[in-house]
PDB file of N, CA and C in Angstrom:
ATOM      1  N   UNK A   1      30.008  55.953 -17.455  1.00  0.00           N
ATOM      2  CA  UNK A   1      29.786  57.315 -17.064  1.00  0.00           C
ATOM      3  C   UNK A   1      28.939  58.044 -18.088  1.00  0.00           C
ATOM      4  N   UNK A   2      28.371  59.147 -17.675  1.00  0.00           N
ATOM      5  CA  UNK A   2      27.570  59.950 -18.582  1.00  0.00           C
ATOM      6  C   UNK A   2      28.467  60.894 -19.356  1.00  0.00           C
ATOM      7  N   UNK A   3      28.051  61.223 -20.538  1.00  0.00           N
ATOM      8  CA  UNK A   3      28.811  62.122 -21.386  1.00  0.00           C
ATOM      9  C   UNK A   3      28.616  61.721 -22.824  1.00  0.00           C
ATOM     10  N   UNK A   4      29.351  62.349 -23.680  1.00  0.00           N
ATOM     11  CA  UNK A   4      29.276  61.987 -25.083  1.00  0.00           C
ATOM     12  C   UNK A   4      30.647  62.101 -25.702  1.00  0.00           C
ATOM     13  N   UNK A   5      30.882  61.275 -26.719  1.00  0.00           N
ATOM     14  CA  UNK A   5      32.155  61.313 -27.428  1.00  0.00           C
ATOM     15  C   UNK A   5      32.170  62.568 -28.270  1.00  0.00           C
ATOM     16  N   UNK A   6      33.275  63.274 -28.221  1.00  0.00           N
ATOM     17  CA  UNK A   6      33.403  64.525 -28.956  1.00  0.00           C
ATOM     18  C   UNK A   6      34.738  64.537 -29.684  1.00  0.00           C
ATOM     19  N   UNK A   7      34.813  65.263 -30.761  1.00  0.00           N
ATOM     20  CA  UNK A   7      36.064  65.361 -31.514  1.00  0.00           C
ATOM     21  C   UNK A   7      36.290  64.118 -32.355  1.00  0.00           C
ATOM     22  N   UNK A   8      37.347  64.172 -33.119  1.00  0.00           N
ATOM     23  CA  UNK A   8      37.718  63.023 -33.929  1.00  0.00           C
ATOM     24  C   UNK A   8      38.479  62.034 -33.070  1.00  0.00           C
ATOM     25  N   UNK A   9      38.466  60.807 -33.476  1.00  0.00           N
ATOM     26  CA  UNK A   9      39.260  59.805 -32.790  1.00  0.00           C
ATOM     27  C   UNK A   9      40.591  59.673 -33.531  1.00  0.00           C
ATOM     28  N   UNK A  10      41.565  59.093 -32.866  1.00  0.00           N
ATOM     29  CA  UNK A  10      42.838  58.779 -33.489  1.00  0.00           C
ATOM     30  C   UNK A  10      43.019  57.277 -33.411  1.00  0.00           C
ATOM     31  N   UNK A  11      43.750  56.710 -34.353  1.00  0.00           N
ATOM     32  CA  UNK A  11      43.942  55.264 -34.356  1.00  0.00           C
ATOM     33  C   UNK A  11      45.363  54.905 -34.753  1.00  0.00           C
ATOM     34  N   UNK A  12      45.848  53.801 -34.191  1.00  0.00           N
ATOM     35  CA  UNK A  12      47.182  53.293 -34.515  1.00  0.00           C
ATOM     36  C   UNK A  12      47.191  51.798 -34.229  1.00  0.00           C
ATOM     37  N   UNK A  13      47.429  50.976 -35.230  1.00  0.00           N
ATOM     38  CA  UNK A  13      47.528  49.519 -35.075  1.00  0.00           C
ATOM     39  C   UNK A  13      46.406  48.915 -34.228  1.00  0.00           C
ATOM     40  N   UNK A  14      45.185  49.256 -34.529  1.00  0.00           N
ATOM     41  CA  UNK A  14      44.042  48.673 -33.841  1.00  0.00           C
ATOM     42  C   UNK A  14      43.640  49.361 -32.550  1.00  0.00           C
ATOM     43  N   UNK A  15      44.400  50.363 -32.101  1.00  0.00           N
ATOM     44  CA  UNK A  15      44.068  51.114 -30.897  1.00  0.00           C
ATOM     45  C   UNK A  15      43.329  52.376 -31.323  1.00  0.00           C
ATOM     46  N   UNK A  16      42.103  52.553 -30.819  1.00  0.00           N
ATOM     47  CA  UNK A  16      41.293  53.728 -31.132  1.00  0.00           C
ATOM     48  C   UNK A  16      41.224  54.589 -29.881  1.00  0.00           C
ATOM     49  N   UNK A  17      41.532  55.884 -30.015  1.00  0.00           N
ATOM     50  CA  UNK A  17      41.571  56.789 -28.877  1.00  0.00           C
ATOM     51  C   UNK A  17      40.432  57.788 -28.994  1.00  0.00           C
ATOM     52  N   UNK A  18      39.687  57.983 -27.906  1.00  0.00           N
ATOM     53  CA  UNK A  18      38.643  58.988 -27.854  1.00  0.00           C
ATOM     54  C   UNK A  18      38.467  59.439 -26.416  1.00  0.00           C
ATOM     55  N   UNK A  19      37.450  60.255 -26.157  1.00  0.00           N
ATOM     56  CA  UNK A  19      37.213  60.758 -24.815  1.00  0.00           C
ATOM     57  C   UNK A  19      35.771  61.194 -24.696  1.00  0.00           C
ATOM     58  N   UNK A  20      35.327  61.414 -23.448  1.00  0.00           N
ATOM     59  CA  UNK A  20      33.972  61.869 -23.171  1.00  0.00           C
ATOM     60  C   UNK A  20      34.008  63.266 -22.572  1.00  0.00           C
ATOM     61  N   UNK A  21      33.057  64.094 -22.943  1.00  0.00           N
ATOM     62  CA  UNK A  21      32.845  65.360 -22.256  1.00  0.00           C
ATOM     63  C   UNK A  21      31.828  65.044 -21.158  1.00  0.00           C
ATOM     64  N   UNK A  22      32.252  65.156 -19.926  1.00  0.00           N
ATOM     65  CA  UNK A  22      31.375  64.847 -18.803  1.00  0.00           C
ATOM     66  C   UNK A  22      31.960  65.445 -17.540  1.00  0.00           C
ATOM     67  N   UNK A  23      31.301  65.226 -16.409  1.00  0.00           N
ATOM     68  CA  UNK A  23      31.800  65.709 -15.135  1.00  0.00           C
ATOM     69  C   UNK A  23      33.168  65.122 -14.807  1.00  0.00           C
ATOM     70  N   UNK A  24      33.370  63.853 -15.092  1.00  0.00           N
ATOM     71  CA  UNK A  24      34.619  63.190 -14.706  1.00  0.00           C
ATOM     72  C   UNK A  24      35.709  63.275 -15.772  1.00  0.00           C
ATOM     73  N   UNK A  25      35.372  63.720 -16.974  1.00  0.00           N
ATOM     74  CA  UNK A  25      36.330  63.926 -18.047  1.00  0.00           C
ATOM     75  C   UNK A  25      37.230  62.716 -18.344  1.00  0.00           C
ATOM     76  N   UNK A  26      36.683  61.514 -18.492  1.00  0.00           N
ATOM     77  CA  UNK A  26      37.564  60.389 -18.779  1.00  0.00           C
ATOM     78  C   UNK A  26      38.103  60.423 -20.207  1.00  0.00           C
ATOM     79  N   UNK A  27      39.299  59.938 -20.333  1.00  0.00           N
ATOM     80  CA  UNK A  27      39.988  59.826 -21.601  1.00  0.00           C
ATOM     81  C   UNK A  27      40.297  58.338 -21.744  1.00  0.00           C
ATOM     82  N   UNK A  28      39.963  57.730 -22.871  1.00  0.00           N
ATOM     83  CA  UNK A  28      40.096  56.278 -22.937  1.00  0.00           C
ATOM     84  C   UNK A  28      40.465  55.781 -24.325  1.00  0.00           C
ATOM     85  N   UNK A  29      41.209  54.678 -24.377  1.00  0.00           N
ATOM     86  CA  UNK A  29      41.448  53.975 -25.633  1.00  0.00           C
ATOM     87  C   UNK A  29      40.571  52.723 -25.711  1.00  0.00           C
ATOM     88  N   UNK A  30      40.307  52.322 -26.920  1.00  0.00           N
ATOM     89  CA  UNK A  30      39.491  51.126 -27.160  1.00  0.00           C
ATOM     90  C   UNK A  30      40.268  50.206 -28.097  1.00  0.00           C
ATOM     91  N   UNK A  31      40.317  48.942 -27.749  1.00  0.00           N
ATOM     92  CA  UNK A  31      40.904  47.935 -28.644  1.00  0.00           C
ATOM     93  C   UNK A  31      39.877  46.826 -28.781  1.00  0.00           C
ATOM     94  N   UNK A  32      39.528  46.514 -30.020  1.00  0.00           N
ATOM     95  CA  UNK A  32      38.545  45.472 -30.324  1.00  0.00           C
ATOM     96  C   UNK A  32      37.236  45.682 -29.568  1.00  0.00           C
ATOM     97  N   UNK A  33      36.800  46.950 -29.468  1.00  0.00           N
ATOM     98  CA  UNK A  33      35.517  47.271 -28.859  1.00  0.00           C
ATOM     99  C   UNK A  33      35.507  47.370 -27.347  1.00  0.00           C
ATOM    100  N   UNK A  34      36.625  47.122 -26.683  1.00  0.00           N
ATOM    101  CA  UNK A  34      36.694  47.153 -25.222  1.00  0.00           C
ATOM    102  C   UNK A  34      37.563  48.318 -24.754  1.00  0.00           C
ATOM    103  N   UNK A  35      37.090  49.044 -23.734  1.00  0.00           N
ATOM    104  CA  UNK A  35      37.899  50.094 -23.114  1.00  0.00           C
ATOM    105  C   UNK A  35      39.025  49.405 -22.355  1.00  0.00           C
ATOM    106  N   UNK A  36      40.287  49.797 -22.616  1.00  0.00           N
ATOM    107  CA  UNK A  36      41.411  49.107 -21.974  1.00  0.00           C
ATOM    108  C   UNK A  36      41.973  49.874 -20.775  1.00  0.00           C
ATOM    109  N   UNK A  37      41.705  51.166 -20.668  1.00  0.00           N
ATOM    110  CA  UNK A  37      42.017  51.949 -19.463  1.00  0.00           C
ATOM    111  C   UNK A  37      41.313  53.281 -19.556  1.00  0.00           C
ATOM    112  N   UNK A  38      41.240  54.001 -18.430  1.00  0.00           N
ATOM    113  CA  UNK A  38      40.677  55.350 -18.407  1.00  0.00           C
ATOM    114  C   UNK A  38      41.598  56.237 -17.596  1.00  0.00           C
ATOM    115  N   UNK A  39      41.773  57.465 -18.041  1.00  0.00           N
ATOM    116  CA  UNK A  39      42.563  58.439 -17.301  1.00  0.00           C
ATOM    117  C   UNK A  39      41.776  59.733 -17.223  1.00  0.00           C
ATOM    118  N   UNK A  40      41.639  60.266 -16.022  1.00  0.00           N
ATOM    119  CA  UNK A  40      40.992  61.556 -15.811  1.00  0.00           C
ATOM    120  C   UNK A  40      42.105  62.581 -15.635  1.00  0.00           C
ATOM    121  N   UNK A  41      42.270  63.457 -16.611  1.00  0.00           N
ATOM    122  CA  UNK A  41      43.332  64.462 -16.493  1.00  0.00           C
ATOM    123  C   UNK A  41      42.876  65.668 -15.677  1.00  0.00           C
ATOM    124  N   UNK A  42      41.598  65.710 -15.314  1.00  0.00           N
ATOM    125  CA  UNK A  42      41.114  66.769 -14.446  1.00  0.00           C
ATOM    126  C   UNK A  42      40.755  68.062 -15.149  1.00  0.00           C
ATOM    127  N   UNK A  43      40.651  68.021 -16.468  1.00  0.00           N
ATOM    128  CA  UNK A  43      40.304  69.219 -17.222  1.00  0.00           C
ATOM    129  C   UNK A  43      39.481  68.838 -18.442  1.00  0.00           C
ATOM    130  N   UNK A  44      38.682  69.767 -18.903  1.00  0.00           N
ATOM    131  CA  UNK A  44      37.851  69.544 -20.091  1.00  0.00           C
ATOM    132  C   UNK A  44      38.750  69.347 -21.314  1.00  0.00           C
ATOM    133  N   UNK A  45      38.326  68.437 -22.200  1.00  0.00           N
ATOM    134  CA  UNK A  45      39.033  68.151 -23.449  1.00  0.00           C
ATOM    135  C   UNK A  45      38.070  68.373 -24.599  1.00  0.00           C
ATOM    136  N   UNK A  46      38.492  69.107 -25.606  1.00  0.00           N
ATOM    137  CA  UNK A  46      37.723  69.209 -26.848  1.00  0.00           C
ATOM    138  C   UNK A  46      38.589  68.943 -28.072  1.00  0.00           C
ATOM    139  N   UNK A  47      39.880  68.934 -27.898  1.00  0.00           N
ATOM    140  CA  UNK A  47      40.787  68.668 -29.013  1.00  0.00           C
ATOM    141  C   UNK A  47      40.856  67.176 -29.285  1.00  0.00           C
ATOM    142  N   UNK A  48      41.136  66.826 -30.511  1.00  0.00           N
ATOM    143  CA  UNK A  48      41.327  65.417 -30.853  1.00  0.00           C
ATOM    144  C   UNK A  48      42.708  64.965 -30.402  1.00  0.00           C
ATOM    145  N   UNK A  49      42.836  63.700 -30.020  1.00  0.00           N
ATOM    146  CA  UNK A  49      44.142  63.185 -29.611  1.00  0.00           C
ATOM    147  C   UNK A  49      45.047  62.941 -30.810  1.00  0.00           C
ATOM    148  N   UNK A  50      46.343  62.897 -30.549  1.00  0.00           N
ATOM    149  CA  UNK A  50      47.333  62.521 -31.561  1.00  0.00           C
ATOM    150  C   UNK A  50      48.155  61.384 -30.970  1.00  0.00           C
ATOM    151  N   UNK A  51      48.664  60.519 -31.823  1.00  0.00           N
ATOM    152  CA  UNK A  51      49.444  59.366 -31.378  1.00  0.00           C
ATOM    153  C   UNK A  51      50.833  59.440 -31.987  1.00  0.00           C
ATOM    154  N   UNK A  52      51.848  59.115 -31.184  1.00  0.00           N
ATOM    155  CA  UNK A  52      53.226  59.096 -31.675  1.00  0.00           C
ATOM    156  C   UNK A  52      53.361  58.050 -32.779  1.00  0.00           C
ATOM    157  N   UNK A  53      54.389  58.196 -33.608  1.00  0.00           N
ATOM    158  CA  UNK A  53      54.547  57.276 -34.735  1.00  0.00           C
ATOM    159  C   UNK A  53      54.813  55.842 -34.287  1.00  0.00           C
ATOM    160  N   UNK A  54      55.395  55.652 -33.096  1.00  0.00           N
ATOM    161  CA  UNK A  54      55.628  54.296 -32.599  1.00  0.00           C
ATOM    162  C   UNK A  54      54.430  53.741 -31.830  1.00  0.00           C
ATOM    163  N   UNK A  55      53.393  54.573 -31.636  1.00  0.00           N
ATOM    164  CA  UNK A  55      52.188  54.126 -30.961  1.00  0.00           C
ATOM    165  C   UNK A  55      52.304  54.019 -29.452  1.00  0.00           C
ATOM    166  N   UNK A  56      53.385  54.514 -28.861  1.00  0.00           N
ATOM    167  CA  UNK A  56      53.607  54.382 -27.419  1.00  0.00           C
ATOM    168  C   UNK A  56      53.080  55.562 -26.608  1.00  0.00           C
ATOM    169  N   UNK A  57      52.847  56.697 -27.259  1.00  0.00           N
ATOM    170  CA  UNK A  57      52.416  57.897 -26.549  1.00  0.00           C
ATOM    171  C   UNK A  57      51.190  58.516 -27.206  1.00  0.00           C
ATOM    172  N   UNK A  58      50.342  59.108 -26.367  1.00  0.00           N
ATOM    173  CA  UNK A  58      49.158  59.818 -26.827  1.00  0.00           C
ATOM    174  C   UNK A  58      49.282  61.258 -26.353  1.00  0.00           C
ATOM    175  N   UNK A  59      49.016  62.220 -27.249  1.00  0.00           N
ATOM    176  CA  UNK A  59      49.117  63.636 -26.917  1.00  0.00           C
ATOM    177  C   UNK A  59      47.732  64.274 -27.008  1.00  0.00           C
ATOM    178  N   UNK A  60      47.395  65.053 -25.981  1.00  0.00           N
ATOM    179  CA  UNK A  60      46.087  65.708 -25.951  1.00  0.00           C
ATOM    180  C   UNK A  60      46.192  67.044 -25.227  1.00  0.00           C
ATOM    181  N   UNK A  61      45.559  68.065 -25.792  1.00  0.00           N
ATOM    182  CA  UNK A  61      45.509  69.377 -25.155  1.00  0.00           C
ATOM    183  C   UNK A  61      44.218  69.530 -24.372  1.00  0.00           C
ATOM    184  N   UNK A  62      44.230  70.416 -23.361  1.00  0.00           N
ATOM    185  CA  UNK A  62      43.068  70.560 -22.487  1.00  0.00           C
ATOM    186  C   UNK A  62      42.795  72.016 -22.149  1.00  0.00           C
ATOM    187  N   UNK A  63      41.642  72.243 -21.537  1.00  0.00           N
ATOM    188  CA  UNK A  63      41.221  73.590 -21.148  1.00  0.00           C
ATOM    189  C   UNK A  63      42.108  74.198 -20.074  1.00  0.00           C
ATOM    190  N   UNK A  64      42.854  73.393 -19.335  1.00  0.00           N
ATOM    191  CA  UNK A  64      43.740  73.935 -18.310  1.00  0.00           C
ATOM    192  C   UNK A  64      45.027  74.507 -18.904  1.00  0.00           C
ATOM    193  N   UNK A  65      45.131  74.501 -20.238  1.00  0.00           N
ATOM    194  CA  UNK A  65      46.290  75.072 -20.914  1.00  0.00           C
ATOM    195  C   UNK A  65      47.487  74.150 -20.984  1.00  0.00           C
ATOM    196  N   UNK A  66      47.291  72.894 -20.663  1.00  0.00           N
ATOM    197  CA  UNK A  66      48.397  71.939 -20.693  1.00  0.00           C
ATOM    198  C   UNK A  66      48.250  70.955 -21.847  1.00  0.00           C
ATOM    199  N   UNK A  67      49.401  70.593 -22.383  1.00  0.00           N
ATOM    200  CA  UNK A  67      49.498  69.499 -23.336  1.00  0.00           C
ATOM    201  C   UNK A  67      49.905  68.279 -22.522  1.00  0.00           C
ATOM    202  N   UNK A  68      49.160  67.192 -22.651  1.00  0.00           N
ATOM    203  CA  UNK A  68      49.422  65.978 -21.893  1.00  0.00           C
ATOM    204  C   UNK A  68      50.000  64.902 -22.799  1.00  0.00           C
ATOM    205  N   UNK A  69      50.970  64.169 -22.274  1.00  0.00           N
ATOM    206  CA  UNK A  69      51.494  62.980 -22.939  1.00  0.00           C
ATOM    207  C   UNK A  69      51.154  61.802 -22.039  1.00  0.00           C
ATOM    208  N   UNK A  70      50.393  60.858 -22.577  1.00  0.00           N
ATOM    209  CA  UNK A  70      49.998  59.673 -21.822  1.00  0.00           C
ATOM    210  C   UNK A  70      50.621  58.426 -22.418  1.00  0.00           C
ATOM    211  N   UNK A  71      50.920  57.481 -21.564  1.00  0.00           N
ATOM    212  CA  UNK A  71      51.398  56.176 -22.008  1.00  0.00           C
ATOM    213  C   UNK A  71      50.221  55.463 -22.682  1.00  0.00           C
ATOM    214  N   UNK A  72      50.394  55.041 -23.913  1.00  0.00           N
ATOM    215  CA  UNK A  72      49.304  54.444 -24.682  1.00  0.00           C
ATOM    216  C   UNK A  72      48.862  53.079 -24.149  1.00  0.00           C
ATOM    217  N   UNK A  73      49.736  52.393 -23.414  1.00  0.00           N
ATOM    218  CA  UNK A  73      49.398  51.057 -22.927  1.00  0.00           C
ATOM    219  C   UNK A  73      48.763  51.052 -21.543  1.00  0.00           C
ATOM    220  N   UNK A  74      49.156  51.994 -20.683  1.00  0.00           N
ATOM    221  CA  UNK A  74      48.683  52.006 -19.296  1.00  0.00           C
ATOM    222  C   UNK A  74      47.817  53.214 -18.945  1.00  0.00           C
ATOM    223  N   UNK A  75      47.950  54.309 -19.706  1.00  0.00           N
ATOM    224  CA  UNK A  75      47.176  55.509 -19.420  1.00  0.00           C
ATOM    225  C   UNK A  75      47.833  56.464 -18.444  1.00  0.00           C
ATOM    226  N   UNK A  76      49.018  56.121 -17.968  1.00  0.00           N
ATOM    227  CA  UNK A  76      49.731  57.007 -17.042  1.00  0.00           C
ATOM    228  C   UNK A  76      50.150  58.297 -17.740  1.00  0.00           C
ATOM    229  N   UNK A  77      50.109  59.413 -17.009  1.00  0.00           N
ATOM    230  CA  UNK A  77      50.591  60.685 -17.556  1.00  0.00           C
ATOM    231  C   UNK A  77      52.109  60.670 -17.504  1.00  0.00           C
ATOM    232  N   UNK A  78      52.750  60.745 -18.674  1.00  0.00           N
ATOM    233  CA  UNK A  78      54.208  60.717 -18.752  1.00  0.00           C
ATOM    234  C   UNK A  78      54.797  62.104 -18.500  1.00  0.00           C
ATOM    235  N   UNK A  79      54.145  63.142 -19.076  1.00  0.00           N
ATOM    236  CA  UNK A  79      54.581  64.515 -18.858  1.00  0.00           C
ATOM    237  C   UNK A  79      53.474  65.468 -19.277  1.00  0.00           C
ATOM    238  N   UNK A  80      53.604  66.715 -18.825  1.00  0.00           N
ATOM    239  CA  UNK A  80      52.709  67.782 -19.267  1.00  0.00           C
ATOM    240  C   UNK A  80      53.557  68.986 -19.654  1.00  0.00           C
ATOM    241  N   UNK A  81      52.993  69.821 -20.504  1.00  0.00           N
ATOM    242  CA  UNK A  81      53.656  71.064 -20.903  1.00  0.00           C
ATOM    243  C   UNK A  81      52.609  72.171 -20.827  1.00  0.00           C
ATOM    244  N   UNK A  82      52.915  73.227 -20.095  1.00  0.00           N
ATOM    245  CA  UNK A  82      51.971  74.335 -19.935  1.00  0.00           C
ATOM    246  C   UNK A  82      52.111  75.331 -21.077  1.00  0.00           C
ATOM    247  N   UNK A  83      51.020  75.519 -21.794  1.00  0.00           N
ATOM    248  CA  UNK A  83      50.997  76.499 -22.883  1.00  0.00           C
ATOM    249  C   UNK A  83      50.422  77.834 -22.413  1.00  0.00           C
ATOM    250  N   UNK A  84      49.814  77.859 -21.239  1.00  0.00           N
ATOM    251  CA  UNK A  84      49.364  79.113 -20.657  1.00  0.00           C
ATOM    252  C   UNK A  84      47.944  79.538 -20.958  1.00  0.00           C
ATOM    253  N   UNK A  85      47.268  78.859 -21.867  1.00  0.00           N
ATOM    254  CA  UNK A  85      45.894  79.218 -22.194  1.00  0.00           C
ATOM    255  C   UNK A  85      45.172  77.976 -22.704  1.00  0.00           C
ATOM    256  N   UNK A  86      43.865  78.068 -22.819  1.00  0.00           N
ATOM    257  CA  UNK A  86      43.033  76.948 -23.258  1.00  0.00           C
ATOM    258  C   UNK A  86      43.544  76.368 -24.576  1.00  0.00           C
ATOM    259  N   UNK A  87      43.571  75.043 -24.640  1.00  0.00           N
ATOM    260  CA  UNK A  87      43.938  74.347 -25.882  1.00  0.00           C
ATOM    261  C   UNK A  87      42.691  73.638 -26.397  1.00  0.00           C
ATOM    262  N   UNK A  88      42.195  74.089 -27.534  1.00  0.00           N
ATOM    263  CA  UNK A  88      41.061  73.438 -28.193  1.00  0.00           C
ATOM    264  C   UNK A  88      41.484  72.792 -29.509  1.00  0.00           C
ATOM    265  N   UNK A  89      42.640  73.189 -30.019  1.00  0.00           N
ATOM    266  CA  UNK A  89      43.073  72.646 -31.308  1.00  0.00           C
ATOM    267  C   UNK A  89      43.748  71.294 -31.120  1.00  0.00           C
ATOM    268  N   UNK A  90      43.655  70.485 -32.137  1.00  0.00           N
ATOM    269  CA  UNK A  90      44.292  69.177 -32.109  1.00  0.00           C
ATOM    270  C   UNK A  90      45.769  69.327 -32.393  1.00  0.00           C
ATOM    271  N   UNK A  91      46.555  68.489 -31.754  1.00  0.00           N
ATOM    272  CA  UNK A  91      48.003  68.508 -31.964  1.00  0.00           C
ATOM    273  C   UNK A  91      48.352  67.789 -33.261  1.00  0.00           C
ATOM    274  N   UNK A  92      49.492  68.174 -33.806  1.00  0.00           N
ATOM    275  CA  UNK A  92      50.065  67.485 -34.962  1.00  0.00           C
ATOM    276  C   UNK A  92      51.421  66.949 -34.536  1.00  0.00           C
ATOM    277  N   UNK A  93      51.690  65.683 -34.822  1.00  0.00           N
ATOM    278  CA  UNK A  93      52.978  65.074 -34.498  1.00  0.00           C
ATOM    279  C   UNK A  93      53.771  64.908 -35.783  1.00  0.00           C
ATOM    280  N   UNK A  94      54.936  65.548 -35.838  1.00  0.00           N
ATOM    281  CA  UNK A  94      55.840  65.393 -36.989  1.00  0.00           C
ATOM    282  C   UNK A  94      56.471  64.008 -36.877  1.00  0.00           C
ATOM    283  N   UNK A  95      56.185  63.145 -37.813  1.00  0.00           N
ATOM    284  CA  UNK A  95      56.629  61.750 -37.747  1.00  0.00           C
ATOM    285  C   UNK A  95      58.139  61.594 -37.938  1.00  0.00           C
ATOM    286  N   UNK A  96      58.822  62.606 -38.455  1.00  0.00           N
ATOM    287  CA  UNK A  96      60.272  62.494 -38.650  1.00  0.00           C
ATOM    288  C   UNK A  96      61.055  62.727 -37.374  1.00  0.00           C
ATOM    289  N   UNK A  97      60.656  63.727 -36.577  1.00  0.00           N
ATOM    290  CA  UNK A  97      61.421  64.019 -35.361  1.00  0.00           C
ATOM    291  C   UNK A  97      60.573  64.015 -34.097  1.00  0.00           C
ATOM    292  N   UNK A  98      59.290  63.623 -34.216  1.00  0.00           N
ATOM    293  CA  UNK A  98      58.364  63.507 -33.090  1.00  0.00           C
ATOM    294  C   UNK A  98      58.109  64.827 -32.355  1.00  0.00           C
ATOM    295  N   UNK A  99      58.361  65.960 -33.003  1.00  0.00           N
ATOM    296  CA  UNK A  99      57.961  67.225 -32.381  1.00  0.00           C
ATOM    297  C   UNK A  99      56.446  67.331 -32.454  1.00  0.00           C
ATOM    298  N   UNK A 100      55.880  67.989 -31.462  1.00  0.00           N
ATOM    299  CA  UNK A 100      54.436  68.147 -31.363  1.00  0.00           C
ATOM    300  C   UNK A 100      54.112  69.610 -31.593  1.00  0.00           C
ATOM    301  N   UNK A 101      53.207  69.886 -32.503  1.00  0.00           N
ATOM    302  CA  UNK A 101      52.778  71.252 -32.813  1.00  0.00           C
ATOM    303  C   UNK A 101      51.335  71.413 -32.356  1.00  0.00           C
ATOM    304  N   UNK A 102      51.071  72.507 -31.628  1.00  0.00           N
ATOM    305  CA  UNK A 102      49.701  72.742 -31.170  1.00  0.00           C
ATOM    306  C   UNK A 102      49.445  74.241 -31.049  1.00  0.00           C
ATOM    307  N   UNK A 103      48.264  74.661 -31.469  1.00  0.00           N
ATOM    308  CA  UNK A 103      47.841  76.047 -31.324  1.00  0.00           C
ATOM    309  C   UNK A 103      47.109  76.224 -30.005  1.00  0.00           C
ATOM    310  N   UNK A 104      47.154  77.448 -29.487  1.00  0.00           N
ATOM    311  CA  UNK A 104      46.591  77.733 -28.169  1.00  0.00           C
ATOM    312  C   UNK A 104      45.779  79.028 -28.242  1.00  0.00           C
ATOM    313  N   UNK A 105      44.903  79.233 -27.271  1.00  0.00           N
ATOM    314  CA  UNK A 105      44.069  80.432 -27.264  1.00  0.00           C
ATOM    315  C   UNK A 105      44.847  81.702 -26.939  1.00  0.00           C
ATOM    316  N   UNK A 106      46.119  81.603 -26.612  1.00  0.00           N
ATOM    317  CA  UNK A 106      46.930  82.802 -26.435  1.00  0.00           C
ATOM    318  C   UNK A 106      47.478  83.293 -27.777  1.00  0.00           C
ATOM    319  N   UNK A 107      46.961  82.689 -28.861  1.00  0.00           N
ATOM    320  CA  UNK A 107      47.310  83.042 -30.238  1.00  0.00           C
ATOM    321  C   UNK A 107      48.735  82.660 -30.616  1.00  0.00           C
ATOM    322  N   UNK A 108      49.286  81.668 -29.930  1.00  0.00           N
ATOM    323  CA  UNK A 108      50.635  81.184 -30.223  1.00  0.00           C
ATOM    324  C   UNK A 108      50.568  79.752 -30.752  1.00  0.00           C
ATOM    325  N   UNK A 109      51.551  79.416 -31.550  1.00  0.00           N
ATOM    326  CA  UNK A 109      51.740  78.055 -32.026  1.00  0.00           C
ATOM    327  C   UNK A 109      52.937  77.501 -31.263  1.00  0.00           C
ATOM    328  N   UNK A 110      52.735  76.393 -30.578  1.00  0.00           N
ATOM    329  CA  UNK A 110      53.792  75.805 -29.755  1.00  0.00           C
ATOM    330  C   UNK A 110      54.417  74.608 -30.466  1.00  0.00           C
ATOM    331  N   UNK A 111      55.725  74.505 -30.377  1.00  0.00           N
ATOM    332  CA  UNK A 111      56.478  73.364 -30.874  1.00  0.00           C
ATOM    333  C   UNK A 111      57.092  72.709 -29.643  1.00  0.00           C
ATOM    334  N   UNK A 112      56.641  71.513 -29.329  1.00  0.00           N
ATOM    335  CA  UNK A 112      57.083  70.824 -28.115  1.00  0.00           C
ATOM    336  C   UNK A 112      57.935  69.627 -28.535  1.00  0.00           C
ATOM    337  N   UNK A 113      59.130  69.547 -27.979  1.00  0.00           N
ATOM    338  CA  UNK A 113      59.999  68.430 -28.284  1.00  0.00           C
ATOM    339  C   UNK A 113      59.643  67.267 -27.366  1.00  0.00           C
ATOM    340  N   UNK A 114      59.261  66.153 -27.966  1.00  0.00           N
ATOM    341  CA  UNK A 114      58.903  64.997 -27.132  1.00  0.00           C
ATOM    342  C   UNK A 114      60.158  64.279 -26.768  1.00  0.00           C
TER     343      UNK A 114
END
């Protein structure tokens, strides 16, 4: 697809996560240079992804105001959380309790329990 890689990538045990800004908005992981799945969340992404400490979940914020949790192996959307406004900031995952912290354009800092 057309587009360009934007934002920082995240990595965990050989899995590299990135995404394209394009019409179709694909989000994809790469292992050993090969795309292993693609997921279109249906919204623009500019934030960098975050990965859970066990490497099983990927967290990404989007312009639709939702925080997405994707299965790192299959790309399925596990859950979403509505923050109410555009998310451009990258999430931070607290490795001790797996809470997810993310800033939003509504000027709030959200703490999401995974």
